[in-house]
């Protein structure tokens, strides 16, 4: 409203008003720094005072034809009344025009920050082909280092699984053994724990609070940064086993939040050479900076809709933990491997939903939306994986 009024005032004195390309005044303060907010309040008060003066002046002008008594012994003529009212209007306009440049400067700053806060954020991660054994060794080195630097005293390797295109899960003990062997070599702090005799099984925490139990007789973590969990997931991309994603995850056993994720473009299992050459990348297109805006409002963890594909969930979990903005629960992944009680939501207050788009089998993409509890669904953007054979140079 104030932008419109100011534009009308400028037009009245023969000046060309600036384009009203600002956000609404009611939103401006949200995007101002504290010092700017005080300045905004000062000039808005000046503008309001100016508007009040112009209203008084207009009332006086409009009353010019109403019979008046004497003022100071002299009867005012309609012309005198109009001149007096015009003077008050001019006084009010002067106040408004004095405040306008500063208000427009602050409006422009707030508008620029608001636009920046909803700009598209493209996140891409290149995936170089990595031999199976090298991928396992690299994941062990990196995640063991992450656990050590995070102050963890113990790490449990709970297992591994292969998730097929039809969403069926196959546990892969051979992969688990390979990861354990690689960890024992890379784990300078000797954090990796022995597997319990009866194996692992997920148990919901008593009363719904605290850490879940992982094995019979195994003491549960009493706070974060004590015990970590590591596991692996394999996602075959083609039927000939020449391309797959290997993801190795690290989570806090108390909060059941993902704290580390490594992803590799490799084969479906051990191979001394690549059957086919591929180049790959994975991407997340956040069209209106949804993730930064969400996390600016507090600590958020989102669950994953049961209709989502396992691959889309895996990609989204990786990006969320790598971006470090949105919490990623680990219970559903862990229970898929070790079984036990039905997993909880790990404190999720919203959910991700992904819908597949048509495209090549090696380059799946998904439309991503998010639904906050009790709120409407928000369109987030696009998530995807692109794997293809490298372009061969043409020969003449």
Protein backbone atom coordinates (compact mmCIF):
# COMPACT_ATOMS: atom_id res chain seq x y z
CA UNK A 1 0.00 0.00 0.00
CA UNK A 2 2.79 2.43 0.89
CA UNK A 3 4.56 1.78 -2.43
CA UNK A 4 1.37 2.63 -4.30
CA UNK A 5 0.76 5.77 -2.28
CA UNK A 6 4.34 6.95 -2.75
CA UNK A 7 4.08 6.36 -6.50
CA UNK A 8 0.92 8.42 -6.66
CA UNK A 9 2.64 11.26 -4.76
CA UNK A 10 5.56 11.25 -7.17
CA UNK A 11 3.17 11.40 -10.11
CA UNK A 12 1.42 14.39 -8.52
CA UNK A 13 4.63 16.42 -8.48
CA UNK A 14 5.51 15.46 -12.06
CA UNK A 15 8.09 12.74 -11.33
CA UNK A 16 8.07 9.30 -12.92
CA UNK A 17 7.43 6.68 -10.19
CA UNK A 18 9.81 3.71 -9.97
CA UNK A 19 8.43 0.27 -10.90
CA UNK A 20 6.70 -1.37 -7.93
CA UNK A 21 8.89 -4.48 -8.21
CA UNK A 22 9.22 -4.91 -4.47
CA UNK A 23 7.86 -7.54 -2.15
CA UNK A 24 4.90 -6.55 0.03
CA UNK A 25 5.78 -4.14 2.83
CA UNK A 26 4.46 -6.62 5.37
CA UNK A 27 7.24 -9.03 4.30
CA UNK A 28 10.09 -6.53 4.16
CA UNK A 29 11.13 -6.66 7.83
CA UNK A 30 11.69 -10.45 7.61
CA UNK A 31 14.62 -9.85 5.26
CA UNK A 32 16.22 -6.84 6.96
CA UNK A 33 19.15 -6.79 9.33
CA UNK A 34 18.46 -5.41 12.84
CA UNK A 35 19.93 -1.97 12.06
CA UNK A 36 17.97 -1.83 8.81
CA UNK A 37 14.77 -2.83 10.61
CA UNK A 38 15.12 0.15 12.94
CA UNK A 39 15.74 2.42 9.96
CA UNK A 40 12.65 0.95 8.25
CA UNK A 41 10.54 1.66 11.33
CA UNK A 42 11.77 5.27 11.45
CA UNK A 43 10.95 6.04 7.81
CA UNK A 44 7.66 4.17 7.87
CA UNK A 45 6.64 6.32 10.86
CA UNK A 46 7.69 9.43 8.91
CA UNK A 47 5.59 8.27 5.95
CA UNK A 48 2.57 7.65 8.17
CA UNK A 49 2.94 11.12 9.68
CA UNK A 50 3.10 12.57 6.16
CA UNK A 51 -0.03 10.69 5.14
CA UNK A 52 -1.84 11.95 8.21
CA UNK A 53 -0.89 15.54 7.31
CA UNK A 54 -2.09 15.14 3.73
CA UNK A 55 -5.39 13.75 4.97
CA UNK A 56 -5.81 16.76 7.28
CA UNK A 57 -4.98 19.09 4.39
CA UNK A 58 -7.46 17.38 2.07
CA UNK A 59 -10.18 17.68 4.70
CA UNK A 60 -9.50 21.39 4.98
CA UNK A 61 -9.55 21.86 1.19
CA UNK A 62 -12.82 19.92 0.93
CA UNK A 63 -14.36 22.16 3.56
CA UNK A 64 -13.53 25.38 1.69
CA UNK A 65 -17.12 25.92 0.59
CA UNK A 66 -18.56 25.42 4.06
CA UNK A 67 -19.34 28.79 5.76
CA UNK A 68 -16.73 29.69 8.35
CA UNK A 69 -16.45 32.08 11.21
CA UNK A 70 -13.62 34.49 11.72
CA UNK A 71 -10.07 33.33 12.41
CA UNK A 72 -8.01 35.89 14.28
CA UNK A 73 -10.64 38.50 13.61
CA UNK A 74 -10.51 37.94 9.84
CA UNK A 75 -13.03 35.82 7.95
CA UNK A 76 -11.28 33.18 5.81
CA UNK A 77 -12.29 33.08 2.20
CA UNK A 78 -12.56 29.73 0.38
CA UNK A 79 -9.33 30.61 -1.38
CA UNK A 80 -7.55 31.12 1.94
CA UNK A 81 -8.90 27.82 3.25
CA UNK A 82 -7.77 25.96 0.13
CA UNK A 83 -4.33 27.59 0.34
CA UNK A 84 -4.01 26.61 3.98
CA UNK A 85 -5.05 23.04 3.20
CA UNK A 86 -2.67 22.88 0.23
CA UNK A 87 0.16 24.00 2.49
CA UNK A 88 -0.55 21.16 4.91
CA UNK A 89 -0.78 18.70 1.99
CA UNK A 90 2.58 19.92 0.72
CA UNK A 91 4.04 19.48 4.19
CA UNK A 92 2.75 15.92 4.30
CA UNK A 93 4.00 15.15 0.79
CA UNK A 94 7.42 16.50 1.71
CA UNK A 95 7.64 14.06 4.61
CA UNK A 96 6.59 11.17 2.39
CA UNK A 97 9.08 12.11 -0.32
CA UNK A 98 11.84 12.56 2.24
CA UNK A 99 11.30 9.01 3.51
CA UNK A 100 10.75 7.41 0.11
CA UNK A 101 14.39 6.99 -1.09
CA UNK A 102 15.38 5.25 2.13
CA UNK A 103 12.28 3.05 2.13
CA UNK A 104 12.84 2.06 -1.50
CA UNK A 105 16.47 1.25 -0.74
CA UNK A 106 15.39 -1.03 2.11
CA UNK A 107 12.61 -2.51 -0.05
CA UNK A 108 15.16 -3.26 -2.75
CA UNK A 109 17.52 -4.94 -0.26
CA UNK A 110 14.73 -7.04 1.21
CA UNK A 111 13.45 -7.99 -2.25
CA UNK A 112 16.92 -9.04 -3.39
CA UNK A 113 17.37 -11.19 -0.29
CA UNK A 114 13.95 -12.72 -0.70
CA UNK A 115 14.69 -13.60 -4.33
CA UNK A 116 18.05 -15.02 -3.30
CA UNK A 117 16.34 -17.14 -0.66
CA UNK A 118 14.13 -18.83 -3.26
CA UNK A 119 16.65 -19.16 -6.08
CA UNK A 120 17.18 -22.53 -7.74
CA UNK A 121 20.03 -24.52 -6.21
CA UNK A 122 21.56 -27.18 -8.45
CA UNK A 123 23.63 -29.79 -6.63
CA UNK A 124 25.54 -32.31 -8.74
CA UNK A 125 27.92 -35.08 -7.75
CA UNK A 126 30.07 -36.71 -10.41
CA UNK A 127 30.41 -40.49 -10.27
CA UNK A 128 33.61 -41.92 -11.71
CA UNK A 129 33.67 -45.65 -12.32
CA UNK A 130 35.36 -47.37 -9.40
CA UNK A 131 36.29 -51.03 -9.17
CA UNK A 132 34.32 -52.93 -6.55
CA UNK A 133 37.27 -53.62 -4.24
CA UNK A 134 38.54 -50.04 -4.52
CA UNK A 135 35.09 -48.67 -3.65
CA UNK A 136 34.92 -50.81 -0.51
CA UNK A 137 38.41 -49.79 0.57
CA UNK A 138 37.74 -46.09 -0.05
CA UNK A 139 34.47 -46.19 1.90
CA UNK A 140 36.25 -47.84 4.84
CA UNK A 141 39.02 -45.24 4.89
CA UNK A 142 36.67 -42.27 4.67
CA UNK A 143 33.99 -43.44 7.10
CA UNK A 144 36.47 -44.78 9.66
CA UNK A 145 38.10 -41.35 9.61
CA UNK A 146 34.69 -39.68 10.01
CA UNK A 147 33.82 -41.90 13.00
CA UNK A 148 37.21 -41.30 14.63
CA UNK A 149 37.04 -37.52 14.19
CA UNK A 150 33.44 -37.54 15.44
CA UNK A 151 34.60 -38.95 18.77
CA UNK A 152 32.87 -42.33 18.47
CA UNK A 153 34.17 -45.11 20.72
CA UNK A 154 32.57 -48.02 18.89
CA UNK A 155 31.27 -48.83 15.42
CA UNK A 156 28.99 -51.75 14.55
CA UNK A 157 28.92 -53.14 11.02
CA UNK A 158 25.30 -54.32 10.93
CA UNK A 159 25.30 -55.78 7.42
CA UNK A 160 24.60 -55.07 3.76
CA UNK A 161 21.85 -55.55 1.21
CA UNK A 162 21.08 -55.44 -2.48
CA UNK A 163 17.84 -53.70 -3.49
CA UNK A 164 16.46 -54.99 -6.79
CA UNK A 165 14.37 -53.08 -9.29
CA UNK A 166 11.19 -54.72 -7.98
CA UNK A 167 12.11 -53.44 -4.49
CA UNK A 168 12.95 -56.92 -3.21
CA UNK A 169 15.86 -56.99 -0.75
CA UNK A 170 18.66 -59.54 -0.75
CA UNK A 171 21.06 -59.59 2.19
CA UNK A 172 24.68 -59.87 1.03
CA UNK A 173 26.95 -61.40 3.71
CA UNK A 174 29.90 -61.59 1.31
CA UNK A 175 29.82 -57.81 0.91
CA UNK A 176 29.58 -57.42 4.69
CA UNK A 177 32.70 -59.59 5.09
CA UNK A 178 34.56 -57.51 2.49
CA UNK A 179 33.64 -54.27 4.28
CA UNK A 180 34.74 -55.70 7.62
CA UNK A 181 38.09 -56.73 6.16
CA UNK A 182 38.58 -53.25 4.68
CA UNK A 183 37.62 -51.57 7.97
CA UNK A 184 40.03 -53.65 9.99
CA UNK A 185 42.82 -52.36 7.74
CA UNK A 186 41.65 -48.73 7.70
CA UNK A 187 40.47 -48.47 11.31
CA UNK A 188 43.55 -47.11 13.07
CA UNK A 189 41.59 -46.45 16.27
CA UNK A 190 40.21 -50.02 16.34
CA UNK A 191 36.62 -48.82 16.62
CA UNK A 192 34.97 -51.72 14.79
CA UNK A 193 33.14 -53.99 17.23
CA UNK A 194 32.71 -57.76 17.01
CA UNK A 195 29.36 -59.01 15.75
CA UNK A 196 27.16 -60.27 18.64
CA UNK A 197 26.81 -64.05 18.76
CA UNK A 198 23.08 -63.90 18.07
CA UNK A 199 23.52 -61.23 15.37
CA UNK A 200 21.77 -57.87 15.18
CA UNK A 201 18.07 -57.15 15.54
CA UNK A 202 16.32 -53.80 15.83
CA UNK A 203 14.30 -53.16 19.01
CA UNK A 204 12.26 -50.01 19.54
CA UNK A 205 13.33 -47.99 22.60
CA UNK A 206 11.33 -48.50 25.75
CA UNK A 207 8.62 -45.88 26.04
CA UNK A 208 9.53 -44.57 22.62
CA UNK A 209 12.45 -42.54 23.98
CA UNK A 210 16.20 -43.09 23.83
CA UNK A 211 18.21 -45.30 21.52
CA UNK A 212 16.88 -48.50 19.97
CA UNK A 213 18.50 -51.80 20.94
CA UNK A 214 20.58 -53.49 18.24
CA UNK A 215 21.26 -56.92 19.70
CA UNK A 216 20.37 -59.03 22.71
CA UNK A 217 22.75 -58.25 25.55
CA UNK A 218 24.31 -55.31 23.73
CA UNK A 219 24.29 -52.11 25.76
CA UNK A 220 22.49 -49.27 24.01
CA UNK A 221 24.03 -45.86 23.53
CA UNK A 222 23.08 -43.31 26.20
CA UNK A 223 23.92 -40.21 24.15
CA UNK A 224 25.08 -39.15 20.71
CA UNK A 225 28.69 -39.62 19.54
CA UNK A 226 29.18 -42.86 21.45
CA UNK A 227 28.23 -45.67 19.09
CA UNK A 228 27.96 -45.59 15.31
CA UNK A 229 26.47 -48.01 12.78
CA UNK A 230 27.78 -48.78 9.32
CA UNK A 231 26.10 -50.70 6.51
CA UNK A 232 26.09 -50.97 2.71
CA UNK A 233 23.41 -50.82 0.03
CA UNK A 234 23.76 -51.97 -3.59
CA UNK A 235 21.43 -50.75 -6.36
CA UNK A 236 21.87 -52.62 -9.69
CA UNK A 237 21.24 -50.30 -12.66
CA UNK A 238 21.34 -52.82 -15.52
CA UNK A 239 20.55 -56.51 -15.85
CA UNK A 240 24.03 -57.52 -17.06
CA UNK A 241 25.61 -56.45 -13.72
CA UNK A 242 27.93 -53.98 -15.45
CA UNK A 243 26.66 -50.93 -13.53
CA UNK A 244 25.44 -50.44 -9.99
CA UNK A 245 25.51 -47.89 -7.20
CA UNK A 246 27.27 -48.95 -4.01
CA UNK A 247 26.34 -46.79 -1.03
CA UNK A 248 28.00 -47.17 2.35
CA UNK A 249 26.37 -45.31 5.23
CA UNK A 250 27.37 -44.27 8.75
CA UNK A 251 24.77 -43.38 11.41
CA UNK A 252 24.66 -42.39 15.06
CA UNK A 253 23.21 -45.29 17.08
CA UNK A 254 21.55 -43.01 19.66
CA UNK A 255 19.82 -40.44 17.44
CA UNK A 256 19.54 -42.88 14.50
CA UNK A 257 20.54 -40.11 12.13
CA UNK A 258 22.75 -40.54 9.12
CA UNK A 259 26.10 -38.79 9.56
CA UNK A 260 28.06 -40.11 6.57
CA UNK A 261 27.36 -41.42 3.09
CA UNK A 262 29.69 -42.65 0.36
CA UNK A 263 28.45 -43.54 -3.13
CA UNK A 264 30.30 -45.25 -5.97
CA UNK A 265 29.47 -46.16 -9.57
CA UNK A 266 30.72 -49.71 -9.80
CA UNK A 267 29.67 -53.23 -10.83
CA UNK A 268 27.05 -55.33 -9.06
CA UNK A 269 29.77 -57.45 -7.46
CA UNK A 270 33.52 -58.10 -7.56
CA UNK A 271 35.17 -57.64 -10.96
CA UNK A 272 38.79 -57.21 -12.02
CA UNK A 273 37.81 -54.91 -14.89
CA UNK A 274 34.77 -52.96 -16.08
CA UNK A 275 32.63 -54.93 -18.55
CA UNK A 276 31.51 -51.59 -20.00
CA UNK A 277 32.76 -48.03 -19.64
CA UNK A 278 30.31 -45.60 -18.06
CA UNK A 279 30.32 -42.02 -16.83
CA UNK A 280 27.80 -40.93 -14.27
CA UNK A 281 26.45 -38.18 -12.10
CA UNK A 282 23.62 -37.64 -9.65
CA UNK A 283 21.76 -34.38 -9.20
CA UNK A 284 19.24 -32.55 -7.05
CA UNK A 285 17.53 -29.46 -8.42
CA UNK A 286 15.98 -27.51 -5.54
CA UNK A 287 13.87 -25.08 -7.55
CA UNK A 288 13.02 -22.59 -4.79
CA UNK A 289 15.71 -23.20 -2.16
CA UNK A 290 13.27 -25.34 -0.20
CA UNK A 291 15.96 -27.15 1.80
CA UNK A 292 17.80 -24.02 3.05
CA UNK A 293 14.51 -22.29 3.85
CA UNK A 294 13.25 -25.34 5.72
CA UNK A 295 16.34 -25.70 7.84
CA UNK A 296 16.47 -21.99 8.57
CA UNK A 297 13.28 -22.56 10.56
CA UNK A 298 14.80 -25.20 12.84
CA UNK A 299 16.03 -28.78 13.02
CA UNK A 300 14.05 -30.87 10.54
CA UNK A 301 14.00 -34.56 9.75
CA UNK A 302 11.80 -35.92 6.97
CA UNK A 303 10.54 -39.46 6.52
CA UNK A 304 10.11 -41.11 3.11
CA UNK A 305 6.73 -41.96 1.62
CA UNK A 306 6.15 -45.71 1.36
CA UNK A 307 5.32 -45.34 -2.35
CA UNK A 308 8.78 -43.94 -3.19
CA UNK A 309 11.22 -46.08 -5.11
CA UNK A 310 14.16 -47.36 -3.05
CA UNK A 311 16.63 -45.78 -5.47
CA UNK A 312 15.05 -42.33 -5.21
CA UNK A 313 15.13 -42.59 -1.41
CA UNK A 314 18.80 -43.61 -1.53
CA UNK A 315 19.74 -40.65 -3.73
CA UNK A 316 17.74 -38.20 -1.62
CA UNK A 317 19.21 -39.48 1.65
CA UNK A 318 22.71 -39.07 0.24
CA UNK A 319 22.11 -35.49 -0.86
CA UNK A 320 20.46 -34.51 2.42
CA UNK A 321 23.36 -35.76 4.53
CA UNK A 322 25.95 -34.31 2.15
CA UNK A 323 24.24 -30.92 2.10
CA UNK A 324 24.12 -31.11 5.88
CA UNK A 325 20.79 -29.31 6.06
CA UNK A 326 18.05 -31.85 6.59
CA UNK A 327 18.23 -34.75 9.04
CA UNK A 328 18.11 -38.29 7.64
CA UNK A 329 16.68 -41.08 9.78
CA UNK A 330 18.45 -44.45 9.74
CA UNK A 331 15.97 -46.81 11.39
CA UNK A 332 14.14 -47.90 8.23
CA UNK A 333 17.40 -48.72 6.42
CA UNK A 334 18.85 -50.59 9.38
CA UNK A 335 15.73 -52.68 9.96
CA UNK A 336 15.68 -53.63 6.27
CA UNK A 337 19.03 -55.32 6.88
CA UNK A 338 18.82 -56.71 10.41
CA UNK A 339 15.06 -57.13 10.93
CA UNK A 340 13.31 -56.78 14.27
CA UNK A 341 10.61 -54.36 15.33
CA UNK A 342 8.94 -52.01 12.89
CA UNK A 343 11.07 -48.86 12.65
CA UNK A 344 9.93 -45.54 14.03
CA UNK A 345 10.07 -42.22 12.18
CA UNK A 346 13.16 -41.05 14.13
CA UNK A 347 11.35 -37.82 14.99
CA UNK A 348 10.31 -36.90 11.45
CA UNK A 349 7.93 -33.95 11.24
CA UNK A 350 7.45 -34.09 7.47
CA UNK A 351 7.87 -36.47 4.57
CA UNK A 352 9.52 -36.64 1.16
CA UNK A 353 7.62 -38.00 -1.80
CA UNK A 354 9.15 -38.86 -5.16
CA UNK A 355 7.37 -39.60 -8.43
CA UNK A 356 9.26 -41.17 -11.35
CA UNK A 357 9.57 -39.35 -14.66
CA UNK A 358 9.83 -41.05 -18.04
CA UNK A 359 13.38 -41.48 -19.26
CA UNK A 360 16.18 -43.95 -20.03
CA UNK A 361 16.54 -46.85 -17.60
CA UNK A 362 20.14 -45.86 -16.84
CA UNK A 363 19.15 -42.26 -16.15
CA UNK A 364 16.11 -42.30 -13.85
CA UNK A 365 14.72 -39.00 -12.60
CA UNK A 366 12.06 -38.12 -10.06
CA UNK A 367 9.85 -35.18 -9.16
CA UNK A 368 10.33 -34.38 -5.48
CA UNK A 369 7.71 -32.91 -3.18
CA UNK A 370 7.61 -32.46 0.59
CA UNK A 371 4.68 -32.40 2.96
CA UNK A 372 5.10 -30.78 6.35
CA UNK A 373 2.81 -32.18 9.03
CA UNK A 374 -0.46 -30.30 8.94
CA UNK A 375 0.54 -28.26 5.89
CA UNK A 376 0.06 -28.37 2.13
CA UNK A 377 2.45 -30.22 -0.15
CA UNK A 378 5.38 -28.20 -1.49
CA UNK A 379 6.97 -28.79 -4.88
CA UNK A 380 10.71 -29.08 -4.30
CA UNK A 381 12.26 -29.94 -7.65
CA UNK A 382 13.93 -32.78 -9.50
CA UNK A 383 16.19 -35.60 -8.38
CA UNK A 384 18.01 -37.97 -10.66
CA UNK A 385 20.86 -40.15 -11.79
CA UNK A 386 22.54 -40.02 -15.17
CA UNK A 387 24.70 -42.92 -16.32
CA UNK A 388 25.82 -43.34 -19.91
CA UNK A 389 28.63 -44.65 -22.04
CA UNK A 390 31.18 -41.94 -22.81
CA UNK A 391 30.97 -40.34 -26.21
CA UNK A 392 33.62 -41.74 -28.50
CA UNK A 393 35.58 -39.26 -30.63
CA UNK A 394 34.66 -39.33 -34.30
CA UNK A 395 37.31 -40.53 -36.72
CA UNK A 396 37.84 -39.08 -40.16
